[in-house]
């Protein structure tokens, strides 16, 4: 009889601790999921309002997309400026129309 009441008290305490732990886990998970959905929604809005993605790698896009729809390299160079280099591999080009593209640096030595 005494063992049954002690076992019941232990079971109640274990159930209470488990319920608290599970509640905290699902609350934190819910908050993190809500933040992730907010980032997804912000990405959708950014894409909607600010246009399409311009890839930085030559194999990702056609020549016109690489030059931001300028007709040739001379027109692109006349309207765009090279701002920065990253480890002599990429160049960041910013154009008059507020669009930018990262292009691979082409070396004459290769």
PDB file of N, CA and C in Angstrom:
ATOM      1  N   UNK A   1       0.816  -1.177   0.000  1.00  0.00           N
ATOM      2  CA  UNK A   1       0.000   0.000   0.000  1.00  0.00           C
ATOM      3  C   UNK A   1       0.874   1.260   0.000  1.00  0.00           C
ATOM      4  N   UNK A   2       1.861   1.300   0.898  1.00  0.00           N
ATOM      5  CA  UNK A   2       2.763   2.446   0.986  1.00  0.00           C
ATOM      6  C   UNK A   2       3.570   2.586  -0.298  1.00  0.00           C
ATOM      7  N   UNK A   3       3.997   1.463  -0.874  1.00  0.00           N
ATOM      8  CA  UNK A   3       4.789   1.482  -2.109  1.00  0.00           C
ATOM      9  C   UNK A   3       3.962   2.070  -3.253  1.00  0.00           C
ATOM     10  N   UNK A   4       2.675   1.731  -3.309  1.00  0.00           N
ATOM     11  CA  UNK A   4       1.798   2.250  -4.368  1.00  0.00           C
ATOM     12  C   UNK A   4       1.649   3.758  -4.274  1.00  0.00           C
ATOM     13  N   UNK A   5       1.505   4.297  -3.075  1.00  0.00           N
ATOM     14  CA  UNK A   5       1.355   5.740  -2.939  1.00  0.00           C
ATOM     15  C   UNK A   5       2.661   6.463  -3.280  1.00  0.00           C
ATOM     16  N   UNK A   6       3.816   5.868  -2.876  1.00  0.00           N
ATOM     17  CA  UNK A   6       5.098   6.478  -3.229  1.00  0.00           C
ATOM     18  C   UNK A   6       5.337   6.413  -4.737  1.00  0.00           C
ATOM     19  N   UNK A   7       4.982   5.293  -5.349  1.00  0.00           N
ATOM     20  CA  UNK A   7       5.126   5.146  -6.797  1.00  0.00           C
ATOM     21  C   UNK A   7       4.226   6.138  -7.523  1.00  0.00           C
ATOM     22  N   UNK A   8       3.044   6.362  -7.024  1.00  0.00           N
ATOM     23  CA  UNK A   8       2.129   7.343  -7.609  1.00  0.00           C
ATOM     24  C   UNK A   8       2.694   8.750  -7.511  1.00  0.00           C
ATOM     25  N   UNK A   9       3.326   9.076  -6.368  1.00  0.00           N
ATOM     26  CA  UNK A   9       3.923  10.398  -6.203  1.00  0.00           C
ATOM     27  C   UNK A   9       5.102  10.578  -7.156  1.00  0.00           C
ATOM     28  N   UNK A  10       5.922   9.538  -7.322  1.00  0.00           N
ATOM     29  CA  UNK A  10       7.055   9.605  -8.251  1.00  0.00           C
ATOM     30  C   UNK A  10       6.552   9.756  -9.680  1.00  0.00           C
ATOM     31  N   UNK A  11       5.558   8.989 -10.059  1.00  0.00           N
ATOM     32  CA  UNK A  11       4.990   9.075 -11.408  1.00  0.00           C
ATOM     33  C   UNK A  11       4.418  10.471 -11.671  1.00  0.00           C
ATOM     34  N   UNK A  12       3.754  11.042 -10.658  1.00  0.00           N
ATOM     35  CA  UNK A  12       3.186  12.384 -10.807  1.00  0.00           C
ATOM     36  C   UNK A  12       4.292  13.411 -11.027  1.00  0.00           C
ATOM     37  N   UNK A  13       5.391  13.292 -10.249  1.00  0.00           N
ATOM     38  CA  UNK A  13       6.503  14.240 -10.380  1.00  0.00           C
ATOM     39  C   UNK A  13       7.180  14.104 -11.742  1.00  0.00           C
ATOM     40  N   UNK A  14       7.383  12.870 -12.208  1.00  0.00           N
ATOM     41  CA  UNK A  14       7.988  12.642 -13.525  1.00  0.00           C
ATOM     42  C   UNK A  14       7.085  13.208 -14.615  1.00  0.00           C
ATOM     43  N   UNK A  15       5.802  12.979 -14.527  1.00  0.00           N
ATOM     44  CA  UNK A  15       4.856  13.498 -15.517  1.00  0.00           C
ATOM     45  C   UNK A  15       4.856  15.029 -15.511  1.00  0.00           C
ATOM     46  N   UNK A  16       4.932  15.622 -14.343  1.00  0.00           N
ATOM     47  CA  UNK A  16       4.945  17.080 -14.228  1.00  0.00           C
ATOM     48  C   UNK A  16       6.221  17.657 -14.846  1.00  0.00           C
ATOM     49  N   UNK A  17       7.371  17.066 -14.571  1.00  0.00           N
ATOM     50  CA  UNK A  17       8.637  17.528 -15.149  1.00  0.00           C
ATOM     51  C   UNK A  17       8.652  17.351 -16.667  1.00  0.00           C
ATOM     52  N   UNK A  18       8.151  16.227 -17.138  1.00  0.00           N
ATOM     53  CA  UNK A  18       8.103  15.968 -18.576  1.00  0.00           C
ATOM     54  C   UNK A  18       7.199  16.972 -19.273  1.00  0.00           C
ATOM     55  N   UNK A  19       6.056  17.260 -18.658  1.00  0.00           N
ATOM     56  CA  UNK A  19       5.130  18.238 -19.245  1.00  0.00           C
ATOM     57  C   UNK A  19       5.778  19.617 -19.329  1.00  0.00           C
ATOM     58  N   UNK A  20       6.518  20.026 -18.310  1.00  0.00           N
ATOM     59  CA  UNK A  20       7.206  21.323 -18.335  1.00  0.00           C
ATOM     60  C   UNK A  20       8.275  21.378 -19.406  1.00  0.00           C
ATOM     61  N   UNK A  21       9.058  20.299 -19.510  1.00  0.00           N
ATOM     62  CA  UNK A  21      10.114  20.247 -20.520  1.00  0.00           C
ATOM     63  C   UNK A  21       9.523  20.279 -21.921  1.00  0.00           C
ATOM     64  N   UNK A  22       8.479  19.501 -22.161  1.00  0.00           N
ATOM     65  CA  UNK A  22       7.851  19.471 -23.486  1.00  0.00           C
ATOM     66  C   UNK A  22       7.216  20.813 -23.831  1.00  0.00           C
ATOM     67  N   UNK A  23       6.620  21.458 -22.849  1.00  0.00           N
ATOM     68  CA  UNK A  23       6.013  22.776 -23.095  1.00  0.00           C
ATOM     69  C   UNK A  23       7.080  23.783 -23.520  1.00  0.00           C
ATOM     70  N   UNK A  24       8.214  23.801 -22.810  1.00  0.00           N
ATOM     71  CA  UNK A  24       9.301  24.712 -23.168  1.00  0.00           C
ATOM     72  C   UNK A  24       9.839  24.402 -24.563  1.00  0.00           C
ATOM     73  N   UNK A  25      10.002  23.119 -24.870  1.00  0.00           N
ATOM     74  CA  UNK A  25      10.510  22.719 -26.175  1.00  0.00           C
ATOM     75  C   UNK A  25       9.597  23.208 -27.295  1.00  0.00           C
ATOM     76  N   UNK A  26       8.293  22.983 -27.168  1.00  0.00           N
ATOM     77  CA  UNK A  26       7.371  23.388 -28.224  1.00  0.00           C
ATOM     78  C   UNK A  26       7.214  24.900 -28.307  1.00  0.00           C
ATOM     79  N   UNK A  27       7.355  25.609 -27.194  1.00  0.00           N
ATOM     80  CA  UNK A  27       7.313  27.072 -27.248  1.00  0.00           C
ATOM     81  C   UNK A  27       8.512  27.622 -28.011  1.00  0.00           C
ATOM     82  N   UNK A  28       9.707  27.127 -27.694  1.00  0.00           N
ATOM     83  CA  UNK A  28      10.918  27.588 -28.380  1.00  0.00           C
ATOM     84  C   UNK A  28      10.855  27.205 -29.853  1.00  0.00           C
ATOM     85  N   UNK A  29      10.405  25.990 -30.154  1.00  0.00           N
ATOM     86  CA  UNK A  29      10.276  25.565 -31.550  1.00  0.00           C
ATOM     87  C   UNK A  29       9.300  26.460 -32.306  1.00  0.00           C
ATOM     88  N   UNK A  30       8.197  26.786 -31.689  1.00  0.00           N
ATOM     89  CA  UNK A  30       7.212  27.656 -32.334  1.00  0.00           C
ATOM     90  C   UNK A  30       7.765  29.040 -32.624  1.00  0.00           C
ATOM     91  N   UNK A  31       8.518  29.589 -31.683  1.00  0.00           N
ATOM     92  CA  UNK A  31       9.117  30.912 -31.893  1.00  0.00           C
ATOM     93  C   UNK A  31      10.124  30.864 -33.033  1.00  0.00           C
ATOM     94  N   UNK A  32      10.979  29.840 -33.059  1.00  0.00           N
ATOM     95  CA  UNK A  32      11.972  29.721 -34.125  1.00  0.00           C
ATOM     96  C   UNK A  32      11.315  29.502 -35.487  1.00  0.00           C
ATOM     97  N   UNK A  33      10.267  28.722 -35.536  1.00  0.00           N
ATOM     98  CA  UNK A  33       9.541  28.509 -36.798  1.00  0.00           C
ATOM     99  C   UNK A  33       8.899  29.811 -37.260  1.00  0.00           C
ATOM    100  N   UNK A  34       8.357  30.580 -36.339  1.00  0.00           N
ATOM    101  CA  UNK A  34       7.759  31.868 -36.694  1.00  0.00           C
ATOM    102  C   UNK A  34       8.815  32.820 -37.264  1.00  0.00           C
ATOM    103  N   UNK A  35      10.010  32.831 -36.670  1.00  0.00           N
ATOM    104  CA  UNK A  35      11.093  33.678 -37.183  1.00  0.00           C
ATOM    105  C   UNK A  35      11.519  33.213 -38.576  1.00  0.00           C
ATOM    106  N   UNK A  36      11.616  31.898 -38.782  1.00  0.00           N
ATOM    107  CA  UNK A  36      11.984  31.373 -40.101  1.00  0.00           C
ATOM    108  C   UNK A  36      10.938  31.756 -41.146  1.00  0.00           C
ATOM    109  N   UNK A  37       9.672  31.673 -40.806  1.00  0.00           N
ATOM    110  CA  UNK A  37       8.624  32.072 -41.747  1.00  0.00           C
ATOM    111  C   UNK A  37       8.681  33.572 -42.042  1.00  0.00           C
ATOM    112  N   UNK A  38       9.032  34.360 -41.043  1.00  0.00           N
ATOM    113  CA  UNK A  38       9.179  35.807 -41.271  1.00  0.00           C
ATOM    114  C   UNK A  38      10.306  36.080 -42.262  1.00  0.00           C
ATOM    115  N   UNK A  39      11.432  35.367 -42.144  1.00  0.00           N
ATOM    116  CA  UNK A  39      12.515  35.529 -43.108  1.00  0.00           C
ATOM    117  C   UNK A  39      12.083  35.093 -44.504  1.00  0.00           C
ATOM    118  N   UNK A  40      11.335  34.013 -44.603  1.00  0.00           N
ATOM    119  CA  UNK A  40      10.832  33.572 -45.912  1.00  0.00           C
ATOM    120  C   UNK A  40       9.916  34.627 -46.524  1.00  0.00           C
ATOM    121  N   UNK A  41       9.044  35.170 -45.735  1.00  0.00           N
ATOM    122  CA  UNK A  41       8.124  36.203 -46.227  1.00  0.00           C
ATOM    123  C   UNK A  41       8.887  37.458 -46.643  1.00  0.00           C
ATOM    124  N   UNK A  42       9.910  37.831 -45.870  1.00  0.00           N
ATOM    125  CA  UNK A  42      10.726  38.999 -46.231  1.00  0.00           C
ATOM    126  C   UNK A  42      11.456  38.756 -47.545  1.00  0.00           C
ATOM    127  N   UNK A  43      11.938  37.542 -47.765  1.00  0.00           N
ATOM    128  CA  UNK A  43      12.595  37.211 -49.032  1.00  0.00           C
ATOM    129  C   UNK A  43      11.640  37.294 -50.206  1.00  0.00           C
ATOM    130  N   UNK A  44      10.416  36.836 -50.011  1.00  0.00           N
ATOM    131  CA  UNK A  44       9.417  36.921 -51.080  1.00  0.00           C
ATOM    132  C   UNK A  44       9.113  38.380 -51.397  1.00  0.00           C
ATOM    133  N   UNK A  45       8.957  39.203 -50.375  1.00  0.00           N
ATOM    134  CA  UNK A  45       8.686  40.626 -50.604  1.00  0.00           C
ATOM    135  C   UNK A  45       9.870  41.310 -51.281  1.00  0.00           C
ATOM    136  N   UNK A  46      11.078  40.981 -50.855  1.00  0.00           N
ATOM    137  CA  UNK A  46      12.258  41.576 -51.468  1.00  0.00           C
ATOM    138  C   UNK A  46      12.321  41.231 -52.947  1.00  0.00           C
ATOM    139  N   UNK A  47      12.059  39.985 -53.280  1.00  0.00           N
ATOM    140  CA  UNK A  47      12.082  39.566 -54.682  1.00  0.00           C
ATOM    141  C   UNK A  47      10.979  40.263 -55.470  1.00  0.00           C
ATOM    142  N   UNK A  48       9.806  40.439 -54.869  1.00  0.00           N
ATOM    143  CA  UNK A  48       8.688  41.069 -55.548  1.00  0.00           C
ATOM    144  C   UNK A  48       8.966  42.537 -55.834  1.00  0.00           C
ATOM    145  N   UNK A  49       9.519  43.257 -54.864  1.00  0.00           N
ATOM    146  CA  UNK A  49       9.695  44.696 -55.012  1.00  0.00           C
ATOM    147  C   UNK A  49      10.991  45.099 -55.699  1.00  0.00           C
ATOM    148  N   UNK A  50      12.035  44.283 -55.601  1.00  0.00           N
ATOM    149  CA  UNK A  50      13.336  44.705 -56.104  1.00  0.00           C
ATOM    150  C   UNK A  50      13.819  43.917 -57.304  1.00  0.00           C
ATOM    151  N   UNK A  51      12.980  43.151 -57.918  1.00  0.00           N
ATOM    152  CA  UNK A  51      13.348  42.529 -59.187  1.00  0.00           C
ATOM    153  C   UNK A  51      13.961  41.159 -59.064  1.00  0.00           C
ATOM    154  N   UNK A  52      14.515  40.742 -60.174  1.00  0.00           N
ATOM    155  CA  UNK A  52      15.018  39.376 -60.265  1.00  0.00           C
ATOM    156  C   UNK A  52      16.456  39.266 -59.797  1.00  0.00           C
ATOM    157  N   UNK A  53      16.854  38.075 -59.525  1.00  0.00           N
ATOM    158  CA  UNK A  53      18.201  37.769 -59.077  1.00  0.00           C
ATOM    159  C   UNK A  53      19.133  37.737 -60.285  1.00  0.00           C
ATOM    160  N   UNK A  54      20.282  38.378 -60.176  1.00  0.00           N
ATOM    161  CA  UNK A  54      21.281  38.352 -61.239  1.00  0.00           C
ATOM    162  C   UNK A  54      22.432  37.474 -60.771  1.00  0.00           C
ATOM    163  N   UNK A  55      22.621  36.321 -61.390  1.00  0.00           N
ATOM    164  CA  UNK A  55      23.673  35.419 -60.946  1.00  0.00           C
ATOM    165  C   UNK A  55      25.065  36.004 -61.168  1.00  0.00           C
ATOM    166  N   UNK A  56      26.026  35.583 -60.366  1.00  0.00           N
ATOM    167  CA  UNK A  56      27.374  36.118 -60.469  1.00  0.00           C
ATOM    168  C   UNK A  56      28.311  35.213 -61.260  1.00  0.00           C
ATOM    169  N   UNK A  57      27.933  34.005 -61.524  1.00  0.00           N
ATOM    170  CA  UNK A  57      28.805  33.079 -62.234  1.00  0.00           C
ATOM    171  C   UNK A  57      28.445  33.043 -63.714  1.00  0.00           C
ATOM    172  N   UNK A  58      29.437  32.991 -64.603  1.00  0.00           N
ATOM    173  CA  UNK A  58      29.155  33.039 -66.034  1.00  0.00           C
ATOM    174  C   UNK A  58      28.321  31.865 -66.525  1.00  0.00           C
ATOM    175  N   UNK A  59      28.468  30.721 -65.909  1.00  0.00           N
ATOM    176  CA  UNK A  59      27.711  29.577 -66.375  1.00  0.00           C
ATOM    177  C   UNK A  59      26.265  29.599 -65.886  1.00  0.00           C
ATOM    178  N   UNK A  60      25.918  30.567 -65.043  1.00  0.00           N
ATOM    179  CA  UNK A  60      24.549  30.664 -64.543  1.00  0.00           C
ATOM    180  C   UNK A  60      23.648  31.515 -65.419  1.00  0.00           C
ATOM    181  N   UNK A  61      24.198  32.240 -66.379  1.00  0.00           N
ATOM    182  CA  UNK A  61      23.369  33.197 -67.093  1.00  0.00           C
ATOM    183  C   UNK A  61      23.863  33.394 -68.517  1.00  0.00           C
ATOM    184  N   UNK A  62      23.015  33.965 -69.309  1.00  0.00           N
ATOM    185  CA  UNK A  62      23.394  34.294 -70.670  1.00  0.00           C
ATOM    186  C   UNK A  62      24.280  35.536 -70.661  1.00  0.00           C
ATOM    187  N   UNK A  63      24.839  35.855 -71.813  1.00  0.00           N
ATOM    188  CA  UNK A  63      25.722  37.015 -71.928  1.00  0.00           C
ATOM    189  C   UNK A  63      24.971  38.298 -71.614  1.00  0.00           C
ATOM    190  N   UNK A  64      23.708  38.416 -72.062  1.00  0.00           N
ATOM    191  CA  UNK A  64      22.925  39.638 -71.811  1.00  0.00           C
ATOM    192  C   UNK A  64      22.676  39.833 -70.319  1.00  0.00           C
ATOM    193  N   UNK A  65      22.436  38.771 -69.591  1.00  0.00           N
ATOM    194  CA  UNK A  65      22.190  38.886 -68.152  1.00  0.00           C
ATOM    195  C   UNK A  65      23.496  39.219 -67.430  1.00  0.00           C
ATOM    196  N   UNK A  66      24.611  38.666 -67.889  1.00  0.00           N
ATOM    197  CA  UNK A  66      25.896  38.979 -67.272  1.00  0.00           C
ATOM    198  C   UNK A  66      26.238  40.450 -67.421  1.00  0.00           C
ATOM    199  N   UNK A  67      25.838  41.047 -68.536  1.00  0.00           N
ATOM    200  CA  UNK A  67      26.110  42.466 -68.777  1.00  0.00           C
ATOM    201  C   UNK A  67      24.922  43.340 -68.419  1.00  0.00           C
ATOM    202  N   UNK A  68      23.986  42.810 -67.632  1.00  0.00           N
ATOM    203  CA  UNK A  68      22.812  43.554 -67.161  1.00  0.00           C
ATOM    204  C   UNK A  68      22.041  44.196 -68.304  1.00  0.00           C
ATOM    205  N   UNK A  69      21.878  43.449 -69.372  1.00  0.00           N
ATOM    206  CA  UNK A  69      21.111  43.831 -70.568  1.00  0.00           C
ATOM    207  C   UNK A  69      21.727  44.973 -71.362  1.00  0.00           C
ATOM    208  N   UNK A  70      22.998  45.285 -71.144  1.00  0.00           N
ATOM    209  CA  UNK A  70      23.695  46.197 -72.048  1.00  0.00           C
ATOM    210  C   UNK A  70      24.117  45.413 -73.283  1.00  0.00           C
ATOM    211  N   UNK A  71      24.206  46.082 -74.418  1.00  0.00           N
ATOM    212  CA  UNK A  71      24.410  45.384 -75.696  1.00  0.00           C
ATOM    213  C   UNK A  71      25.776  44.729 -75.821  1.00  0.00           C
ATOM    214  N   UNK A  72      26.822  45.388 -75.330  1.00  0.00           N
ATOM    215  CA  UNK A  72      28.163  44.820 -75.439  1.00  0.00           C
ATOM    216  C   UNK A  72      29.024  45.313 -74.270  1.00  0.00           C
ATOM    217  N   UNK A  73      30.277  44.856 -74.251  1.00  0.00           N
ATOM    218  CA  UNK A  73      31.167  45.185 -73.152  1.00  0.00           C
ATOM    219  C   UNK A  73      31.441  46.680 -73.071  1.00  0.00           C
ATOM    220  N   UNK A  74      31.549  47.356 -74.219  1.00  0.00           N
ATOM    221  CA  UNK A  74      31.818  48.796 -74.225  1.00  0.00           C
ATOM    222  C   UNK A  74      30.671  49.571 -73.585  1.00  0.00           C
ATOM    223  N   UNK A  75      29.440  49.216 -73.912  1.00  0.00           N
ATOM    224  CA  UNK A  75      28.281  49.888 -73.304  1.00  0.00           C
ATOM    225  C   UNK A  75      28.216  49.594 -71.811  1.00  0.00           C
ATOM    226  N   UNK A  76      28.507  48.357 -71.444  1.00  0.00           N
ATOM    227  CA  UNK A  76      28.520  47.981 -70.032  1.00  0.00           C
ATOM    228  C   UNK A  76      29.592  48.782 -69.281  1.00  0.00           C
ATOM    229  N   UNK A  77      30.791  48.871 -69.851  1.00  0.00           N
ATOM    230  CA  UNK A  77      31.873  49.613 -69.218  1.00  0.00           C
ATOM    231  C   UNK A  77      31.613  51.108 -69.130  1.00  0.00           C
ATOM    232  N   UNK A  78      30.836  51.654 -70.079  1.00  0.00           N
ATOM    233  CA  UNK A  78      30.537  53.082 -70.066  1.00  0.00           C
ATOM    234  C   UNK A  78      29.521  53.436 -68.984  1.00  0.00           C
ATOM    235  N   UNK A  79      28.637  52.500 -68.630  1.00  0.00           N
ATOM    236  CA  UNK A  79      27.569  52.777 -67.667  1.00  0.00           C
ATOM    237  C   UNK A  79      27.801  52.148 -66.293  1.00  0.00           C
ATOM    238  N   UNK A  80      28.848  51.347 -66.172  1.00  0.00           N
ATOM    239  CA  UNK A  80      29.072  50.631 -64.915  1.00  0.00           C
ATOM    240  C   UNK A  80      30.491  50.886 -64.405  1.00  0.00           C
ATOM    241  N   UNK A  81      30.645  50.725 -63.100  1.00  0.00           N
ATOM    242  CA  UNK A  81      31.934  50.980 -62.462  1.00  0.00           C
ATOM    243  C   UNK A  81      32.302  49.789 -61.586  1.00  0.00           C
ATOM    244  N   UNK A  82      33.557  49.387 -61.640  1.00  0.00           N
ATOM    245  CA  UNK A  82      34.044  48.283 -60.814  1.00  0.00           C
ATOM    246  C   UNK A  82      34.399  48.839 -59.438  1.00  0.00           C
ATOM    247  N   UNK A  83      33.754  48.319 -58.400  1.00  0.00           N
ATOM    248  CA  UNK A  83      33.962  48.838 -57.049  1.00  0.00           C
ATOM    249  C   UNK A  83      34.973  48.056 -56.234  1.00  0.00           C
ATOM    250  N   UNK A  84      34.868  46.750 -56.246  1.00  0.00           N
ATOM    251  CA  UNK A  84      35.694  45.977 -55.317  1.00  0.00           C
ATOM    252  C   UNK A  84      36.093  44.655 -55.933  1.00  0.00           C
ATOM    253  N   UNK A  85      37.146  44.123 -55.396  1.00  0.00           N
ATOM    254  CA  UNK A  85      37.617  42.810 -55.798  1.00  0.00           C
ATOM    255  C   UNK A  85      37.667  41.932 -54.564  1.00  0.00           C
ATOM    256  N   UNK A  86      37.410  40.656 -54.753  1.00  0.00           N
ATOM    257  CA  UNK A  86      37.556  39.724 -53.645  1.00  0.00           C
ATOM    258  C   UNK A  86      38.617  38.706 -54.024  1.00  0.00           C
ATOM    259  N   UNK A  87      39.776  38.841 -53.429  1.00  0.00           N
ATOM    260  CA  UNK A  87      40.900  37.910 -53.611  1.00  0.00           C
ATOM    261  C   UNK A  87      41.253  37.714 -55.080  1.00  0.00           C
ATOM    262  N   UNK A  88      41.182  38.765 -55.869  1.00  0.00           N
ATOM    263  CA  UNK A  88      41.525  38.730 -57.295  1.00  0.00           C
ATOM    264  C   UNK A  88      40.739  37.686 -58.073  1.00  0.00           C
ATOM    265  N   UNK A  89      39.548  37.362 -57.620  1.00  0.00           N
ATOM    266  CA  UNK A  89      38.727  36.381 -58.312  1.00  0.00           C
ATOM    267  C   UNK A  89      37.462  37.024 -58.857  1.00  0.00           C
ATOM    268  N   UNK A  90      36.793  37.846 -58.064  1.00  0.00           N
ATOM    269  CA  UNK A  90      35.537  38.474 -58.472  1.00  0.00           C
ATOM    270  C   UNK A  90      35.642  39.985 -58.431  1.00  0.00           C
ATOM    271  N   UNK A  91      34.862  40.615 -59.303  1.00  0.00           N
ATOM    272  CA  UNK A  91      34.738  42.071 -59.316  1.00  0.00           C
ATOM    273  C   UNK A  91      33.273  42.425 -59.132  1.00  0.00           C
ATOM    274  N   UNK A  92      32.982  43.451 -58.345  1.00  0.00           N
ATOM    275  CA  UNK A  92      31.614  43.917 -58.170  1.00  0.00           C
ATOM    276  C   UNK A  92      31.425  45.146 -59.058  1.00  0.00           C
ATOM    277  N   UNK A  93      30.478  45.062 -59.988  1.00  0.00           N
ATOM    278  CA  UNK A  93      30.176  46.146 -60.910  1.00  0.00           C
ATOM    279  C   UNK A  93      28.833  46.757 -60.542  1.00  0.00           C
ATOM    280  N   UNK A  94      28.792  48.076 -60.387  1.00  0.00           N
ATOM    281  CA  UNK A  94      27.555  48.806 -60.094  1.00  0.00           C
ATOM    282  C   UNK A  94      27.286  49.729 -61.275  1.00  0.00           C
ATOM    283  N   UNK A  95      26.042  49.720 -61.745  1.00  0.00           N
ATOM    284  CA  UNK A  95      25.694  50.465 -62.959  1.00  0.00           C
ATOM    285  C   UNK A  95      24.816  51.675 -62.643  1.00  0.00           C
ATOM    286  N   UNK A  96      24.609  52.517 -63.666  1.00  0.00           N
ATOM    287  CA  UNK A  96      23.802  53.732 -63.529  1.00  0.00           C
ATOM    288  C   UNK A  96      22.372  53.439 -63.098  1.00  0.00           C
ATOM    289  N   UNK A  97      21.851  52.287 -63.492  1.00  0.00           N
ATOM    290  CA  UNK A  97      20.456  51.945 -63.179  1.00  0.00           C
ATOM    291  C   UNK A  97      20.313  51.264 -61.811  1.00  0.00           C
ATOM    292  N   UNK A  98      21.322  51.433 -60.938  1.00  0.00           N
ATOM    293  CA  UNK A  98      21.323  50.885 -59.571  1.00  0.00           C
ATOM    294  C   UNK A  98      21.293  49.365 -59.515  1.00  0.00           C
ATOM    295  N   UNK A  99      21.692  48.722 -60.564  1.00  0.00           N
ATOM    296  CA  UNK A  99      21.814  47.262 -60.549  1.00  0.00           C
ATOM    297  C   UNK A  99      23.287  46.912 -60.422  1.00  0.00           C
ATOM    298  N   UNK A 100      23.560  45.790 -59.827  1.00  0.00           N
ATOM    299  CA  UNK A 100      24.951  45.373 -59.669  1.00  0.00           C
ATOM    300  C   UNK A 100      25.088  43.904 -60.017  1.00  0.00           C
ATOM    301  N   UNK A 101      26.310  43.533 -60.349  1.00  0.00           N
ATOM    302  CA  UNK A 101      26.603  42.147 -60.695  1.00  0.00           C
ATOM    303  C   UNK A 101      28.031  41.836 -60.260  1.00  0.00           C
ATOM    304  N   UNK A 102      28.244  40.634 -59.789  1.00  0.00           N
ATOM    305  CA  UNK A 102      29.590  40.149 -59.485  1.00  0.00           C
ATOM    306  C   UNK A 102      30.058  39.324 -60.674  1.00  0.00           C
ATOM    307  N   UNK A 103      31.204  39.697 -61.211  1.00  0.00           N
ATOM    308  CA  UNK A 103      31.733  38.999 -62.378  1.00  0.00           C
ATOM    309  C   UNK A 103      33.081  38.389 -62.025  1.00  0.00           C
ATOM    310  N   UNK A 104      33.359  37.242 -62.635  1.00  0.00           N
ATOM    311  CA  UNK A 104      34.659  36.614 -62.445  1.00  0.00           C
ATOM    312  C   UNK A 104      35.710  37.422 -63.173  1.00  0.00           C
ATOM    313  N   UNK A 105      36.855  37.605 -62.536  1.00  0.00           N
ATOM    314  CA  UNK A 105      37.947  38.346 -63.155  1.00  0.00           C
ATOM    315  C   UNK A 105      38.570  37.460 -64.235  1.00  0.00           C
ATOM    316  N   UNK A 106      38.773  38.039 -65.412  1.00  0.00           N
ATOM    317  CA  UNK A 106      39.399  37.317 -66.517  1.00  0.00           C
ATOM    318  C   UNK A 106      40.823  37.823 -66.649  1.00  0.00           C
ATOM    319  N   UNK A 107      41.754  36.896 -66.556  1.00  0.00           N
ATOM    320  CA  UNK A 107      43.157  37.268 -66.603  1.00  0.00           C
ATOM    321  C   UNK A 107      43.710  36.990 -67.985  1.00  0.00           C
ATOM    322  N   UNK A 108      44.592  37.869 -68.474  1.00  0.00           N
ATOM    323  CA  UNK A 108      45.223  37.659 -69.778  1.00  0.00           C
ATOM    324  C   UNK A 108      46.320  36.604 -69.715  1.00  0.00           C
ATOM    325  N   UNK A 109      46.768  36.298 -68.521  1.00  0.00           N
ATOM    326  CA  UNK A 109      47.863  35.339 -68.353  1.00  0.00           C
ATOM    327  C   UNK A 109      47.419  33.886 -68.469  1.00  0.00           C
ATOM    328  N   UNK A 110      46.124  33.643 -68.435  1.00  0.00           N
ATOM    329  CA  UNK A 110      45.624  32.259 -68.421  1.00  0.00           C
ATOM    330  C   UNK A 110      45.575  31.712 -69.809  1.00  0.00           C
TER     331      UNK A 110
END
